[in-house]
Amino acid sequence: MAVYNREDLVQRVLARLGEVGFGQTAEPEARARVSDALDGILDEMELDRVYDFASSSEIPGAAMDPLSAIVASRLADDFALSSEEATLLAARAQGAEMRLRRYRALSSSRTYTRGHYF
Protein backbone atom coordinates (compact mmCIF):
# COMPACT_ATOMS: atom_id res chain seq x y z
CA MET A 1 0.00 0.00 0.00
CA ALA A 2 1.35 3.40 -0.98
CA VAL A 3 2.02 5.92 1.74
CA TYR A 4 2.63 9.64 1.27
CA ASN A 5 3.94 12.44 3.47
CA ARG A 6 3.09 16.10 3.96
CA GLU A 7 5.48 17.31 1.24
CA ASP A 8 3.88 14.94 -1.27
CA LEU A 9 0.50 16.39 -0.35
CA VAL A 10 1.70 19.99 -0.75
CA GLN A 11 3.11 19.16 -4.19
CA ARG A 12 -0.13 17.43 -5.28
CA VAL A 13 -2.27 20.36 -4.07
CA LEU A 14 -0.08 22.85 -5.93
CA ALA A 15 -0.41 20.77 -9.09
CA ARG A 16 -4.23 20.78 -8.71
CA LEU A 17 -4.12 24.55 -8.30
CA GLY A 18 -2.06 24.92 -11.48
CA GLU A 19 0.96 26.29 -9.67
CA VAL A 20 3.36 23.56 -10.83
CA GLY A 21 3.62 21.25 -13.79
CA PHE A 22 5.29 17.88 -14.15
CA GLY A 23 8.87 18.02 -12.90
CA GLN A 24 8.64 21.64 -11.75
CA THR A 25 9.14 23.04 -8.30
CA ALA A 26 6.80 25.57 -6.78
CA GLU A 27 7.65 28.99 -5.49
CA PRO A 28 8.49 28.97 -1.77
CA GLU A 29 5.61 31.36 -1.05
CA ALA A 30 3.09 29.01 -2.67
CA ARG A 31 4.49 26.01 -0.78
CA ALA A 32 4.32 27.94 2.49
CA ARG A 33 0.73 29.04 1.83
CA VAL A 34 -0.43 25.45 1.35
CA SER A 35 1.66 24.08 4.20
CA ASP A 36 0.42 26.73 6.63
CA ALA A 37 -3.21 25.99 5.79
CA LEU A 38 -2.92 22.20 6.09
CA ASP A 39 -3.09 21.86 9.87
CA GLY A 40 -6.30 23.83 10.11
CA ILE A 41 -7.94 21.95 7.25
CA LEU A 42 -6.91 18.57 8.66
CA ASP A 43 -8.15 19.53 12.14
CA GLU A 44 -11.48 20.63 10.68
CA MET A 45 -11.82 17.35 8.78
CA GLU A 46 -11.21 15.44 12.00
CA LEU A 47 -13.79 17.52 13.90
CA ASP A 48 -16.33 16.99 11.11
CA ARG A 49 -15.57 13.26 11.33
CA VAL A 50 -14.57 13.10 7.68
CA TYR A 51 -11.20 11.42 8.25
CA ASP A 52 -8.53 11.45 10.95
CA PHE A 53 -5.13 12.40 9.56
CA ALA A 54 -3.85 13.74 12.87
CA SER A 55 -2.92 10.34 14.25
CA SER A 56 -0.06 9.88 11.80
CA SER A 57 2.37 11.85 9.69
CA GLU A 58 1.68 9.40 6.87
CA ILE A 59 -1.17 9.70 4.38
CA PRO A 60 -2.56 6.41 3.08
CA GLY A 61 -2.42 6.08 -0.69
CA ALA A 62 -6.18 5.74 -1.06
CA ALA A 63 -6.71 9.01 0.82
CA MET A 64 -4.13 11.10 -1.07
CA ASP A 65 -6.23 11.99 -4.11
CA PRO A 66 -9.41 12.96 -2.24
CA LEU A 67 -7.46 14.86 0.40
CA SER A 68 -5.57 16.88 -2.20
CA ALA A 69 -8.87 17.71 -3.93
CA ILE A 70 -10.36 19.02 -0.69
CA VAL A 71 -7.32 21.09 0.23
CA ALA A 72 -7.07 22.55 -3.28
CA SER A 73 -10.74 23.51 -3.19
CA ARG A 74 -10.34 25.26 0.16
CA LEU A 75 -7.34 27.24 -1.15
CA ALA A 76 -8.80 28.22 -4.52
CA ASP A 77 -9.43 31.81 -3.43
CA ASP A 78 -5.88 32.20 -2.11
CA PHE A 79 -4.49 31.30 -5.54
CA ALA A 80 -6.90 33.54 -7.48
CA LEU A 81 -8.45 30.80 -9.58
CA SER A 82 -11.21 31.69 -12.01
CA SER A 83 -14.79 31.02 -10.97
CA GLU A 84 -15.00 28.06 -13.36
CA GLU A 85 -11.86 26.49 -11.91
CA ALA A 86 -13.04 27.10 -8.36
CA THR A 87 -16.45 25.56 -9.13
CA LEU A 88 -14.80 22.49 -10.64
CA LEU A 89 -12.54 22.09 -7.59
CA ALA A 90 -15.54 22.47 -5.26
CA ALA A 91 -17.45 19.75 -7.11
CA ARG A 92 -14.45 17.43 -6.90
CA ALA A 93 -14.08 18.21 -3.19
CA GLN A 94 -17.67 17.12 -2.49
CA GLY A 95 -17.07 13.73 -4.05
CA ALA A 96 -13.71 13.50 -2.31
CA GLU A 97 -15.29 14.09 1.09
CA MET A 98 -17.73 11.25 0.52
CA ARG A 99 -14.84 8.96 -0.46
CA LEU A 100 -12.90 9.83 2.71
CA ARG A 101 -15.96 9.21 4.87
CA ARG A 102 -16.32 5.80 3.23
CA TYR A 103 -12.62 5.02 3.81
CA ARG A 104 -12.97 6.04 7.46
CA ALA A 105 -15.95 3.75 7.88
CA LEU A 106 -14.08 0.85 6.27
CA SER A 107 -11.02 1.30 8.44
CA SER A 108 -13.04 1.52 11.64
CA SER A 109 -15.02 -1.59 10.74
CA ARG A 110 -11.76 -3.52 10.52
CA THR A 111 -10.75 -2.80 14.08
CA TYR A 112 -11.45 -5.55 16.52
CA THR A 113 -12.12 -5.27 20.19
CA ARG A 114 -11.45 -7.86 22.80
CA GLY A 115 -14.38 -8.97 24.88
CA HIS A 116 -14.36 -8.23 28.59
CA TYR A 117 -15.49 -11.00 30.86
CA PHE A 118 -16.63 -10.27 34.38
C-alpha atoms as a PDB file:
ATOM      1  CA  MET A   1       0.000   0.000   0.000  1.00  0.00           C
ATOM      2  CA  ALA A   2       1.349   3.398  -0.983  1.00  0.00           C
ATOM      3  CA  VAL A   3       2.020   5.922   1.742  1.00  0.00           C
ATOM      4  CA  TYR A   4       2.632   9.640   1.271  1.00  0.00           C
ATOM      5  CA  ASN A   5       3.939  12.435   3.473  1.00  0.00           C
ATOM      6  CA  ARG A   6       3.089  16.097   3.961  1.00  0.00           C
ATOM      7  CA  GLU A   7       5.477  17.311   1.244  1.00  0.00           C
ATOM      8  CA  ASP A   8       3.884  14.943  -1.272  1.00  0.00           C
ATOM      9  CA  LEU A   9       0.500  16.392  -0.353  1.00  0.00           C
ATOM     10  CA  VAL A  10       1.702  19.990  -0.749  1.00  0.00           C
ATOM     11  CA  GLN A  11       3.106  19.161  -4.186  1.00  0.00           C
ATOM     12  CA  ARG A  12      -0.129  17.432  -5.280  1.00  0.00           C
ATOM     13  CA  VAL A  13      -2.267  20.363  -4.072  1.00  0.00           C
ATOM     14  CA  LEU A  14      -0.078  22.850  -5.931  1.00  0.00           C
ATOM     15  CA  ALA A  15      -0.410  20.767  -9.091  1.00  0.00           C
ATOM     16  CA  ARG A  16      -4.226  20.778  -8.714  1.00  0.00           C
ATOM     17  CA  LEU A  17      -4.117  24.547  -8.296  1.00  0.00           C
ATOM     18  CA  GLY A  18      -2.061  24.918 -11.482  1.00  0.00           C
ATOM     19  CA  GLU A  19       0.965  26.289  -9.669  1.00  0.00           C
ATOM     20  CA  VAL A  20       3.362  23.563 -10.833  1.00  0.00           C
ATOM     21  CA  GLY A  21       3.622  21.254 -13.790  1.00  0.00           C
ATOM     22  CA  PHE A  22       5.291  17.882 -14.145  1.00  0.00           C
ATOM     23  CA  GLY A  23       8.870  18.020 -12.898  1.00  0.00           C
ATOM     24  CA  GLN A  24       8.636  21.636 -11.751  1.00  0.00           C
ATOM     25  CA  THR A  25       9.135  23.037  -8.295  1.00  0.00           C
ATOM     26  CA  ALA A  26       6.802  25.573  -6.777  1.00  0.00           C
ATOM     27  CA  GLU A  27       7.655  28.986  -5.491  1.00  0.00           C
ATOM     28  CA  PRO A  28       8.493  28.974  -1.768  1.00  0.00           C
ATOM     29  CA  GLU A  29       5.607  31.363  -1.052  1.00  0.00           C
ATOM     30  CA  ALA A  30       3.091  29.011  -2.666  1.00  0.00           C
ATOM     31  CA  ARG A  31       4.489  26.010  -0.782  1.00  0.00           C
ATOM     32  CA  ALA A  32       4.323  27.941   2.490  1.00  0.00           C
ATOM     33  CA  ARG A  33       0.728  29.043   1.833  1.00  0.00           C
ATOM     34  CA  VAL A  34      -0.432  25.448   1.348  1.00  0.00           C
ATOM     35  CA  SER A  35       1.664  24.079   4.202  1.00  0.00           C
ATOM     36  CA  ASP A  36       0.420  26.734   6.631  1.00  0.00           C
ATOM     37  CA  ALA A  37      -3.213  25.993   5.790  1.00  0.00           C
ATOM     38  CA  LEU A  38      -2.919  22.197   6.090  1.00  0.00           C
ATOM     39  CA  ASP A  39      -3.087  21.858   9.871  1.00  0.00           C
ATOM     40  CA  GLY A  40      -6.303  23.834  10.114  1.00  0.00           C
ATOM     41  CA  ILE A  41      -7.938  21.952   7.248  1.00  0.00           C
ATOM     42  CA  LEU A  42      -6.914  18.568   8.665  1.00  0.00           C
ATOM     43  CA  ASP A  43      -8.149  19.534  12.137  1.00  0.00           C
ATOM     44  CA  GLU A  44     -11.480  20.632  10.683  1.00  0.00           C
ATOM     45  CA  MET A  45     -11.819  17.350   8.777  1.00  0.00           C
ATOM     46  CA  GLU A  46     -11.213  15.439  11.999  1.00  0.00           C
ATOM     47  CA  LEU A  47     -13.788  17.524  13.898  1.00  0.00           C
ATOM     48  CA  ASP A  48     -16.329  16.995  11.108  1.00  0.00           C
ATOM     49  CA  ARG A  49     -15.566  13.263  11.330  1.00  0.00           C
ATOM     50  CA  VAL A  50     -14.572  13.100   7.678  1.00  0.00           C
ATOM     51  CA  TYR A  51     -11.203  11.417   8.251  1.00  0.00           C
ATOM     52  CA  ASP A  52      -8.528  11.455  10.950  1.00  0.00           C
ATOM     53  CA  PHE A  53      -5.131  12.396   9.558  1.00  0.00           C
ATOM     54  CA  ALA A  54      -3.852  13.738  12.872  1.00  0.00           C
ATOM     55  CA  SER A  55      -2.917  10.340  14.250  1.00  0.00           C
ATOM     56  CA  SER A  56      -0.056   9.878  11.803  1.00  0.00           C
ATOM     57  CA  SER A  57       2.373  11.848   9.686  1.00  0.00           C
ATOM     58  CA  GLU A  58       1.677   9.402   6.867  1.00  0.00           C
ATOM     59  CA  ILE A  59      -1.169   9.697   4.385  1.00  0.00           C
ATOM     60  CA  PRO A  60      -2.559   6.410   3.080  1.00  0.00           C
ATOM     61  CA  GLY A  61      -2.417   6.079  -0.691  1.00  0.00           C
ATOM     62  CA  ALA A  62      -6.176   5.741  -1.057  1.00  0.00           C
ATOM     63  CA  ALA A  63      -6.714   9.014   0.822  1.00  0.00           C
ATOM     64  CA  MET A  64      -4.134  11.096  -1.067  1.00  0.00           C
ATOM     65  CA  ASP A  65      -6.232  11.990  -4.108  1.00  0.00           C
ATOM     66  CA  PRO A  66      -9.410  12.956  -2.239  1.00  0.00           C
ATOM     67  CA  LEU A  67      -7.461  14.864   0.398  1.00  0.00           C
ATOM     68  CA  SER A  68      -5.568  16.877  -2.201  1.00  0.00           C
ATOM     69  CA  ALA A  69      -8.872  17.708  -3.934  1.00  0.00           C
ATOM     70  CA  ILE A  70     -10.364  19.016  -0.692  1.00  0.00           C
ATOM     71  CA  VAL A  71      -7.320  21.092   0.230  1.00  0.00           C
ATOM     72  CA  ALA A  72      -7.069  22.547  -3.279  1.00  0.00           C
ATOM     73  CA  SER A  73     -10.736  23.508  -3.187  1.00  0.00           C
ATOM     74  CA  ARG A  74     -10.335  25.258   0.155  1.00  0.00           C
ATOM     75  CA  LEU A  75      -7.343  27.238  -1.148  1.00  0.00           C
ATOM     76  CA  ALA A  76      -8.801  28.216  -4.523  1.00  0.00           C
ATOM     77  CA  ASP A  77      -9.429  31.810  -3.428  1.00  0.00           C
ATOM     78  CA  ASP A  78      -5.875  32.198  -2.114  1.00  0.00           C
ATOM     79  CA  PHE A  79      -4.487  31.302  -5.540  1.00  0.00           C
ATOM     80  CA  ALA A  80      -6.901  33.539  -7.476  1.00  0.00           C
ATOM     81  CA  LEU A  81      -8.448  30.802  -9.584  1.00  0.00           C
ATOM     82  CA  SER A  82     -11.210  31.687 -12.014  1.00  0.00           C
ATOM     83  CA  SER A  83     -14.787  31.023 -10.967  1.00  0.00           C
ATOM     84  CA  GLU A  84     -15.001  28.055 -13.361  1.00  0.00           C
ATOM     85  CA  GLU A  85     -11.857  26.486 -11.911  1.00  0.00           C
ATOM     86  CA  ALA A  86     -13.037  27.097  -8.357  1.00  0.00           C
ATOM     87  CA  THR A  87     -16.448  25.564  -9.133  1.00  0.00           C
ATOM     88  CA  LEU A  88     -14.798  22.488 -10.637  1.00  0.00           C
ATOM     89  CA  LEU A  89     -12.541  22.091  -7.594  1.00  0.00           C
ATOM     90  CA  ALA A  90     -15.537  22.474  -5.257  1.00  0.00           C
ATOM     91  CA  ALA A  91     -17.449  19.748  -7.110  1.00  0.00           C
ATOM     92  CA  ARG A  92     -14.452  17.431  -6.898  1.00  0.00           C
ATOM     93  CA  ALA A  93     -14.078  18.207  -3.194  1.00  0.00           C
ATOM     94  CA  GLN A  94     -17.670  17.124  -2.494  1.00  0.00           C
ATOM     95  CA  GLY A  95     -17.066  13.725  -4.048  1.00  0.00           C
ATOM     96  CA  ALA A  96     -13.710  13.505  -2.306  1.00  0.00           C
ATOM     97  CA  GLU A  97     -15.288  14.091   1.090  1.00  0.00           C
ATOM     98  CA  MET A  98     -17.727  11.247   0.518  1.00  0.00           C
ATOM     99  CA  ARG A  99     -14.837   8.964  -0.458  1.00  0.00           C
ATOM    100  CA  LEU A 100     -12.905   9.834   2.711  1.00  0.00           C
ATOM    101  CA  ARG A 101     -15.965   9.207   4.873  1.00  0.00           C
ATOM    102  CA  ARG A 102     -16.318   5.799   3.234  1.00  0.00           C
ATOM    103  CA  TYR A 103     -12.621   5.020   3.812  1.00  0.00           C
ATOM    104  CA  ARG A 104     -12.974   6.038   7.465  1.00  0.00           C
ATOM    105  CA  ALA A 105     -15.954   3.751   7.879  1.00  0.00           C
ATOM    106  CA  LEU A 106     -14.084   0.852   6.267  1.00  0.00           C
ATOM    107  CA  SER A 107     -11.016   1.302   8.437  1.00  0.00           C
ATOM    108  CA  SER A 108     -13.045   1.524  11.638  1.00  0.00           C
ATOM    109  CA  SER A 109     -15.019  -1.592  10.741  1.00  0.00           C
ATOM    110  CA  ARG A 110     -11.761  -3.523  10.518  1.00  0.00           C
ATOM    111  CA  THR A 111     -10.751  -2.796  14.083  1.00  0.00           C
ATOM    112  CA  TYR A 112     -11.448  -5.545  16.516  1.00  0.00           C
ATOM    113  CA  THR A 113     -12.124  -5.274  20.193  1.00  0.00           C
ATOM    114  CA  ARG A 114     -11.449  -7.859  22.802  1.00  0.00           C
ATOM    115  CA  GLY A 115     -14.377  -8.968  24.879  1.00  0.00           C
ATOM    116  CA  HIS A 116     -14.362  -8.225  28.591  1.00  0.00           C
ATOM    117  CA  TYR A 117     -15.493 -10.997  30.857  1.00  0.00           C
ATOM    118  CA  PHE A 118     -16.626 -10.272  34.381  1.00  0.00           C
END
